[in-house]
Amino acid sequence: MSWLLVALVPALLMLVAVGLGRLENWLATERPAGARDTFNGLQRRLASLDGDRLPTRVYSQHATNPGFHTPRHANRV
């Protein structure tokens, strides 16, 4: 029974690799239908971000928590 596992696992891995290679080639050659519209919409949204932003709080550097102290090193004799 183990010979079946030894024979089928590499064969399945090779089939998956070939299938993924074909899928990758197909996706690389196919041109997206709405690529130009998507790019134009992205440019419009980026242009609208310049003036319309939500107010955000400015965080300054906070002090460390006094409840937690730095660990002391062991006294090596």
PDB file of N, CA and C in Angstrom:
ATOM      1  N   MET A   1       0.812  -1.193   0.000  1.00  0.00           N
ATOM      2  CA  MET A   1       0.000   0.000   0.000  1.00  0.00           C
ATOM      3  C   MET A   1       0.862   1.266   0.000  1.00  0.00           C
ATOM      4  N   SER A   2       2.025   1.213   0.634  1.00  0.00           N
ATOM      5  CA  SER A   2       2.876   2.401   0.669  1.00  0.00           C
ATOM      6  C   SER A   2       3.453   2.713  -0.715  1.00  0.00           C
ATOM      7  N   TRP A   3       3.593   1.684  -1.566  1.00  0.00           N
ATOM      8  CA  TRP A   3       4.103   1.939  -2.910  1.00  0.00           C
ATOM      9  C   TRP A   3       3.143   2.820  -3.692  1.00  0.00           C
ATOM     10  N   LEU A   4       1.835   2.698  -3.387  1.00  0.00           N
ATOM     11  CA  LEU A   4       0.845   3.530  -4.055  1.00  0.00           C
ATOM     12  C   LEU A   4       1.017   4.991  -3.649  1.00  0.00           C
ATOM     13  N   LEU A   5       1.273   5.198  -2.381  1.00  0.00           N
ATOM     14  CA  LEU A   5       1.513   6.553  -1.884  1.00  0.00           C
ATOM     15  C   LEU A   5       2.784   7.131  -2.492  1.00  0.00           C
ATOM     16  N   VAL A   6       3.817   6.311  -2.560  1.00  0.00           N
ATOM     17  CA  VAL A   6       5.098   6.763  -3.117  1.00  0.00           C
ATOM     18  C   VAL A   6       4.956   7.087  -4.598  1.00  0.00           C
ATOM     19  N   ALA A   7       4.104   6.394  -5.299  1.00  0.00           N
ATOM     20  CA  ALA A   7       3.947   6.617  -6.733  1.00  0.00           C
ATOM     21  C   ALA A   7       3.002   7.768  -7.044  1.00  0.00           C
ATOM     22  N   LEU A   8       1.953   7.922  -6.245  1.00  0.00           N
ATOM     23  CA  LEU A   8       0.932   8.906  -6.590  1.00  0.00           C
ATOM     24  C   LEU A   8       1.235  10.324  -6.110  1.00  0.00           C
ATOM     25  N   VAL A   9       1.883  10.473  -4.980  1.00  0.00           N
ATOM     26  CA  VAL A   9       2.136  11.826  -4.461  1.00  0.00           C
ATOM     27  C   VAL A   9       3.024  12.631  -5.407  1.00  0.00           C
ATOM     28  N   PRO A  10       4.168  12.120  -5.865  1.00  0.00           N
ATOM     29  CA  PRO A  10       4.953  12.914  -6.821  1.00  0.00           C
ATOM     30  C   PRO A  10       4.222  13.168  -8.132  1.00  0.00           C
ATOM     31  N   ALA A  11       3.440  12.192  -8.582  1.00  0.00           N
ATOM     32  CA  ALA A  11       2.692  12.386  -9.826  1.00  0.00           C
ATOM     33  C   ALA A  11       1.657  13.492  -9.665  1.00  0.00           C
ATOM     34  N   LEU A  12       0.968  13.502  -8.540  1.00  0.00           N
ATOM     35  CA  LEU A  12      -0.009  14.569  -8.301  1.00  0.00           C
ATOM     36  C   LEU A  12       0.664  15.928  -8.170  1.00  0.00           C
ATOM     37  N   LEU A  13       1.816  15.971  -7.528  1.00  0.00           N
ATOM     38  CA  LEU A  13       2.541  17.238  -7.416  1.00  0.00           C
ATOM     39  C   LEU A  13       2.975  17.753  -8.783  1.00  0.00           C
ATOM     40  N   MET A  14       3.410  16.862  -9.654  1.00  0.00           N
ATOM     41  CA  MET A  14       3.801  17.286 -10.999  1.00  0.00           C
ATOM     42  C   MET A  14       2.599  17.789 -11.788  1.00  0.00           C
ATOM     43  N   LEU A  15       1.469  17.107 -11.666  1.00  0.00           N
ATOM     44  CA  LEU A  15       0.265  17.564 -12.360  1.00  0.00           C
ATOM     45  C   LEU A  15      -0.184  18.932 -11.863  1.00  0.00           C
ATOM     46  N   VAL A  16      -0.112  19.140 -10.571  1.00  0.00           N
ATOM     47  CA  VAL A  16      -0.490  20.443 -10.016  1.00  0.00           C
ATOM     48  C   VAL A  16       0.460  21.521 -10.507  1.00  0.00           C
ATOM     49  N   ALA A  17       1.755  21.226 -10.556  1.00  0.00           N
ATOM     50  CA  ALA A  17       2.729  22.215 -11.026  1.00  0.00           C
ATOM     51  C   ALA A  17       2.479  22.578 -12.484  1.00  0.00           C
ATOM     52  N   VAL A  18       2.195  21.580 -13.312  1.00  0.00           N
ATOM     53  CA  VAL A  18       1.915  21.854 -14.724  1.00  0.00           C
ATOM     54  C   VAL A  18       0.629  22.656 -14.860  1.00  0.00           C
ATOM     55  N   GLY A  19      -0.389  22.294 -14.100  1.00  0.00           N
ATOM     56  CA  GLY A  19      -1.656  23.022 -14.163  1.00  0.00           C
ATOM     57  C   GLY A  19      -1.517  24.459 -13.711  1.00  0.00           C
ATOM     58  N   LEU A  20      -0.759  24.675 -12.639  1.00  0.00           N
ATOM     59  CA  LEU A  20      -0.555  26.049 -12.178  1.00  0.00           C
ATOM     60  C   LEU A  20       0.268  26.859 -13.169  1.00  0.00           C
ATOM     61  N   GLY A  21       1.222  26.211 -13.832  1.00  0.00           N
ATOM     62  CA  GLY A  21       1.998  26.901 -14.865  1.00  0.00           C
ATOM     63  C   GLY A  21       1.120  27.339 -16.021  1.00  0.00           C
ATOM     64  N   ARG A  22       0.215  26.461 -16.437  1.00  0.00           N
ATOM     65  CA  ARG A  22      -0.703  26.824 -17.529  1.00  0.00           C
ATOM     66  C   ARG A  22      -1.645  27.937 -17.101  1.00  0.00           C
ATOM     67  N   LEU A  23      -2.135  27.867 -15.870  1.00  0.00           N
ATOM     68  CA  LEU A  23      -3.022  28.915 -15.361  1.00  0.00           C
ATOM     69  C   LEU A  23      -2.299  30.252 -15.287  1.00  0.00           C
ATOM     70  N   GLU A  24      -1.045  30.224 -14.845  1.00  0.00           N
ATOM     71  CA  GLU A  24      -0.268  31.453 -14.752  1.00  0.00           C
ATOM     72  C   GLU A  24      -0.034  32.059 -16.133  1.00  0.00           C
ATOM     73  N   ASN A  25       0.273  31.236 -17.116  1.00  0.00           N
ATOM     74  CA  ASN A  25       0.458  31.741 -18.478  1.00  0.00           C
ATOM     75  C   ASN A  25      -0.831  32.323 -19.032  1.00  0.00           C
ATOM     76  N   TRP A  26      -1.947  31.666 -18.748  1.00  0.00           N
ATOM     77  CA  TRP A  26      -3.235  32.166 -19.229  1.00  0.00           C
ATOM     78  C   TRP A  26      -3.577  33.504 -18.580  1.00  0.00           C
ATOM     79  N   LEU A  27      -3.311  33.633 -17.285  1.00  0.00           N
ATOM     80  CA  LEU A  27      -3.602  34.893 -16.605  1.00  0.00           C
ATOM     81  C   LEU A  27      -2.668  36.008 -17.057  1.00  0.00           C
ATOM     82  N   ALA A  28      -1.427  35.663 -17.395  1.00  0.00           N
ATOM     83  CA  ALA A  28      -0.470  36.682 -17.830  1.00  0.00           C
ATOM     84  C   ALA A  28      -0.816  37.213 -19.213  1.00  0.00           C
ATOM     85  N   THR A  29      -1.381  36.381 -20.078  1.00  0.00           N
ATOM     86  CA  THR A  29      -1.684  36.835 -21.432  1.00  0.00           C
ATOM     87  C   THR A  29      -3.057  37.484 -21.530  1.00  0.00           C
ATOM     88  N   GLU A  30      -3.952  37.176 -20.608  1.00  0.00           N
ATOM     89  CA  GLU A  30      -5.290  37.760 -20.676  1.00  0.00           C
ATOM     90  C   GLU A  30      -5.256  39.191 -20.148  1.00  0.00           C
ATOM     91  N   ARG A  31      -5.831  40.086 -20.903  1.00  0.00           N
ATOM     92  CA  ARG A  31      -5.858  41.485 -20.489  1.00  0.00           C
ATOM     93  C   ARG A  31      -7.128  41.748 -19.694  1.00  0.00           C
ATOM     94  N   PRO A  32      -7.011  42.399 -18.560  1.00  0.00           N
ATOM     95  CA  PRO A  32      -8.204  42.691 -17.771  1.00  0.00           C
ATOM     96  C   PRO A  32      -9.155  43.603 -18.536  1.00  0.00           C
ATOM     97  N   ALA A  33     -10.447  43.368 -18.388  1.00  0.00           N
ATOM     98  CA  ALA A  33     -11.440  44.103 -19.163  1.00  0.00           C
ATOM     99  C   ALA A  33     -11.530  45.563 -18.730  1.00  0.00           C
ATOM    100  N   GLY A  34     -11.527  45.834 -17.452  1.00  0.00           N
ATOM    101  CA  GLY A  34     -11.733  47.197 -16.984  1.00  0.00           C
ATOM    102  C   GLY A  34     -10.493  47.832 -16.406  1.00  0.00           C
ATOM    103  N   ALA A  35      -9.321  47.511 -16.934  1.00  0.00           N
ATOM    104  CA  ALA A  35      -8.083  48.034 -16.356  1.00  0.00           C
ATOM    105  C   ALA A  35      -8.010  49.552 -16.476  1.00  0.00           C
ATOM    106  N   ARG A  36      -8.416  50.096 -17.621  1.00  0.00           N
ATOM    107  CA  ARG A  36      -8.339  51.541 -17.817  1.00  0.00           C
ATOM    108  C   ARG A  36      -9.331  52.265 -16.911  1.00  0.00           C
ATOM    109  N   ASP A  37     -10.550  51.734 -16.802  1.00  0.00           N
ATOM    110  CA  ASP A  37     -11.548  52.357 -15.934  1.00  0.00           C
ATOM    111  C   ASP A  37     -11.120  52.300 -14.476  1.00  0.00           C
ATOM    112  N   THR A  38     -10.529  51.193 -14.078  1.00  0.00           N
ATOM    113  CA  THR A  38     -10.065  51.058 -12.703  1.00  0.00           C
ATOM    114  C   THR A  38      -8.967  52.064 -12.417  1.00  0.00           C
ATOM    115  N   PHE A  39      -8.042  52.234 -13.344  1.00  0.00           N
ATOM    116  CA  PHE A  39      -6.952  53.174 -13.148  1.00  0.00           C
ATOM    117  C   PHE A  39      -7.479  54.602 -13.064  1.00  0.00           C
ATOM    118  N   ASN A  40      -8.450  54.954 -13.921  1.00  0.00           N
ATOM    119  CA  ASN A  40      -9.018  56.299 -13.875  1.00  0.00           C
ATOM    120  C   ASN A  40      -9.753  56.535 -12.563  1.00  0.00           C
ATOM    121  N   GLY A  41     -10.483  55.536 -12.081  1.00  0.00           N
ATOM    122  CA  GLY A  41     -11.181  55.673 -10.807  1.00  0.00           C
ATOM    123  C   GLY A  41     -10.210  55.827  -9.657  1.00  0.00           C
ATOM    124  N   LEU A  42      -9.095  55.109  -9.723  1.00  0.00           N
ATOM    125  CA  LEU A  42      -8.077  55.226  -8.682  1.00  0.00           C
ATOM    126  C   LEU A  42      -7.472  56.622  -8.689  1.00  0.00           C
ATOM    127  N   GLN A  43      -7.203  57.165  -9.861  1.00  0.00           N
ATOM    128  CA  GLN A  43      -6.649  58.512  -9.948  1.00  0.00           C
ATOM    129  C   GLN A  43      -7.620  59.545  -9.383  1.00  0.00           C
ATOM    130  N   ARG A  44      -8.919  59.386  -9.661  1.00  0.00           N
ATOM    131  CA  ARG A  44      -9.911  60.324  -9.119  1.00  0.00           C
ATOM    132  C   ARG A  44      -9.961  60.246  -7.600  1.00  0.00           C
ATOM    133  N   ARG A  45      -9.933  59.027  -7.055  1.00  0.00           N
ATOM    134  CA  ARG A  45      -9.992  58.890  -5.599  1.00  0.00           C
ATOM    135  C   ARG A  45      -8.750  59.451  -4.932  1.00  0.00           C
ATOM    136  N   LEU A  46      -7.590  59.250  -5.533  1.00  0.00           N
ATOM    137  CA  LEU A  46      -6.372  59.803  -4.953  1.00  0.00           C
ATOM    138  C   LEU A  46      -6.376  61.324  -5.013  1.00  0.00           C
ATOM    139  N   ALA A  47      -6.938  61.891  -6.065  1.00  0.00           N
ATOM    140  CA  ALA A  47      -7.012  63.348  -6.177  1.00  0.00           C
ATOM    141  C   ALA A  47      -7.983  63.919  -5.152  1.00  0.00           C
ATOM    142  N   SER A  48      -9.052  63.187  -4.842  1.00  0.00           N
ATOM    143  CA  SER A  48     -10.023  63.701  -3.876  1.00  0.00           C
ATOM    144  C   SER A  48      -9.516  63.587  -2.445  1.00  0.00           C
ATOM    145  N   LEU A  49      -8.484  62.798  -2.204  1.00  0.00           N
ATOM    146  CA  LEU A  49      -7.959  62.648  -0.848  1.00  0.00           C
ATOM    147  C   LEU A  49      -7.160  63.857  -0.391  1.00  0.00           C
ATOM    148  N   ASP A  50      -6.759  64.720  -1.307  1.00  0.00           N
ATOM    149  CA  ASP A  50      -5.898  65.833  -0.933  1.00  0.00           C
ATOM    150  C   ASP A  50      -6.555  66.778   0.060  1.00  0.00           C
ATOM    151  N   GLY A  51      -7.839  67.093  -0.105  1.00  0.00           N
ATOM    152  CA  GLY A  51      -8.458  68.070   0.767  1.00  0.00           C
ATOM    153  C   GLY A  51      -9.419  67.493   1.781  1.00  0.00           C
ATOM    154  N   ASP A  52     -10.044  66.384   1.493  1.00  0.00           N
ATOM    155  CA  ASP A  52     -11.079  65.843   2.360  1.00  0.00           C
ATOM    156  C   ASP A  52     -10.526  64.718   3.219  1.00  0.00           C
ATOM    157  N   ARG A  53     -10.002  65.075   4.352  1.00  0.00           N
ATOM    158  CA  ARG A  53      -9.494  64.064   5.271  1.00  0.00           C
ATOM    159  C   ARG A  53     -10.134  64.269   6.630  1.00  0.00           C
ATOM    160  N   LEU A  54     -10.271  63.187   7.341  1.00  0.00           N
ATOM    161  CA  LEU A  54     -10.834  63.260   8.680  1.00  0.00           C
ATOM    162  C   LEU A  54      -9.801  63.823   9.643  1.00  0.00           C
ATOM    163  N   PRO A  55     -10.268  64.542  10.665  1.00  0.00           N
ATOM    164  CA  PRO A  55      -9.303  65.041  11.648  1.00  0.00           C
ATOM    165  C   PRO A  55      -8.723  63.877  12.444  1.00  0.00           C
ATOM    166  N   THR A  56      -7.440  63.890  12.605  1.00  0.00           N
ATOM    167  CA  THR A  56      -6.784  62.829  13.358  1.00  0.00           C
ATOM    168  C   THR A  56      -6.033  63.428  14.529  1.00  0.00           C
ATOM    169  N   ARG A  57      -5.958  62.667  15.581  1.00  0.00           N
ATOM    170  CA  ARG A  57      -5.267  63.114  16.781  1.00  0.00           C
ATOM    171  C   ARG A  57      -3.766  62.899  16.604  1.00  0.00           C
ATOM    172  N   VAL A  58      -2.994  63.874  17.041  1.00  0.00           N
ATOM    173  CA  VAL A  58      -1.551  63.758  16.980  1.00  0.00           C
ATOM    174  C   VAL A  58      -1.091  63.114  18.281  1.00  0.00           C
ATOM    175  N   TYR A  59      -0.417  61.997  18.179  1.00  0.00           N
ATOM    176  CA  TYR A  59       0.056  61.298  19.360  1.00  0.00           C
ATOM    177  C   TYR A  59       1.491  61.702  19.641  1.00  0.00           C
ATOM    178  N   SER A  60       1.710  62.148  20.868  1.00  0.00           N
ATOM    179  CA  SER A  60       3.072  62.471  21.261  1.00  0.00           C
ATOM    180  C   SER A  60       3.686  61.245  21.929  1.00  0.00           C
ATOM    181  N   GLN A  61       4.937  61.342  22.228  1.00  0.00           N
ATOM    182  CA  GLN A  61       5.610  60.224  22.877  1.00  0.00           C
ATOM    183  C   GLN A  61       5.110  60.110  24.308  1.00  0.00           C
ATOM    184  N   HIS A  62       4.548  58.966  24.647  1.00  0.00           N
ATOM    185  CA  HIS A  62       3.997  58.774  25.980  1.00  0.00           C
ATOM    186  C   HIS A  62       5.087  58.325  26.942  1.00  0.00           C
ATOM    187  N   ALA A  63       4.892  58.658  28.209  1.00  0.00           N
ATOM    188  CA  ALA A  63       5.825  58.214  29.236  1.00  0.00           C
ATOM    189  C   ALA A  63       5.616  56.720  29.486  1.00  0.00           C
ATOM    190  N   THR A  64       6.610  56.075  30.030  1.00  0.00           N
ATOM    191  CA  THR A  64       6.486  54.651  30.306  1.00  0.00           C
ATOM    192  C   THR A  64       5.543  54.431  31.474  1.00  0.00           C
ATOM    193  N   ASN A  65       4.968  53.261  31.543  1.00  0.00           N
ATOM    194  CA  ASN A  65       4.028  52.915  32.593  1.00  0.00           C
ATOM    195  C   ASN A  65       4.795  52.706  33.892  1.00  0.00           C
ATOM    196  N   PRO A  66       4.482  53.462  34.961  1.00  0.00           N
ATOM    197  CA  PRO A  66       5.227  53.300  36.218  1.00  0.00           C
ATOM    198  C   PRO A  66       4.916  51.978  36.919  1.00  0.00           C
ATOM    199  N   GLY A  67       3.865  51.295  36.518  1.00  0.00           N
ATOM    200  CA  GLY A  67       3.547  50.013  37.142  1.00  0.00           C
ATOM    201  C   GLY A  67       4.484  48.902  36.711  1.00  0.00           C
ATOM    202  N   PHE A  68       5.170  49.089  35.615  1.00  0.00           N
ATOM    203  CA  PHE A  68       6.095  48.077  35.121  1.00  0.00           C
ATOM    204  C   PHE A  68       7.501  48.657  35.143  1.00  0.00           C
ATOM    205  N   HIS A  69       8.360  48.021  35.881  1.00  0.00           N
ATOM    206  CA  HIS A  69       9.738  48.486  35.992  1.00  0.00           C
ATOM    207  C   HIS A  69      10.631  47.632  35.107  1.00  0.00           C
ATOM    208  N   THR A  70      11.778  48.183  34.769  1.00  0.00           N
ATOM    209  CA  THR A  70      12.719  47.416  33.964  1.00  0.00           C
ATOM    210  C   THR A  70      13.266  46.270  34.801  1.00  0.00           C
ATOM    211  N   PRO A  71      13.472  45.123  34.206  1.00  0.00           N
ATOM    212  CA  PRO A  71      13.966  43.983  34.993  1.00  0.00           C
ATOM    213  C   PRO A  71      15.411  44.205  35.421  1.00  0.00           C
ATOM    214  N   ARG A  72      15.694  43.775  36.633  1.00  0.00           N
ATOM    215  CA  ARG A  72      17.058  43.889  37.141  1.00  0.00           C
ATOM    216  C   ARG A  72      17.835  42.658  36.730  1.00  0.00           C
ATOM    217  N   HIS A  73      19.077  42.856  36.390  1.00  0.00           N
ATOM    218  CA  HIS A  73      19.910  41.738  35.969  1.00  0.00           C
ATOM    219  C   HIS A  73      20.365  40.941  37.183  1.00  0.00           C
ATOM    220  N   ALA A  74      20.610  39.683  36.966  1.00  0.00           N
ATOM    221  CA  ALA A  74      21.066  38.816  38.053  1.00  0.00           C
ATOM    222  C   ALA A  74      22.467  39.224  38.485  1.00  0.00           C
ATOM    223  N   ASN A  75      22.716  39.139  39.782  1.00  0.00           N
ATOM    224  CA  ASN A  75      24.023  39.478  40.329  1.00  0.00           C
ATOM    225  C   ASN A  75      24.916  38.254  40.203  1.00  0.00           C
ATOM    226  N   ARG A  76      25.795  38.279  39.231  1.00  0.00           N
ATOM    227  CA  ARG A  76      26.678  37.133  39.018  1.00  0.00           C
ATOM    228  C   ARG A  76      27.892  37.252  39.927  1.00  0.00           C
ATOM    229  N   VAL A  77      28.097  36.241  40.688  1.00  0.00           N
ATOM    230  CA  VAL A  77      29.195  36.261  41.659  1.00  0.00           C
ATOM    231  C   VAL A  77      30.396  35.562  41.093  1.00  0.00           C
TER     232      VAL A  77
END
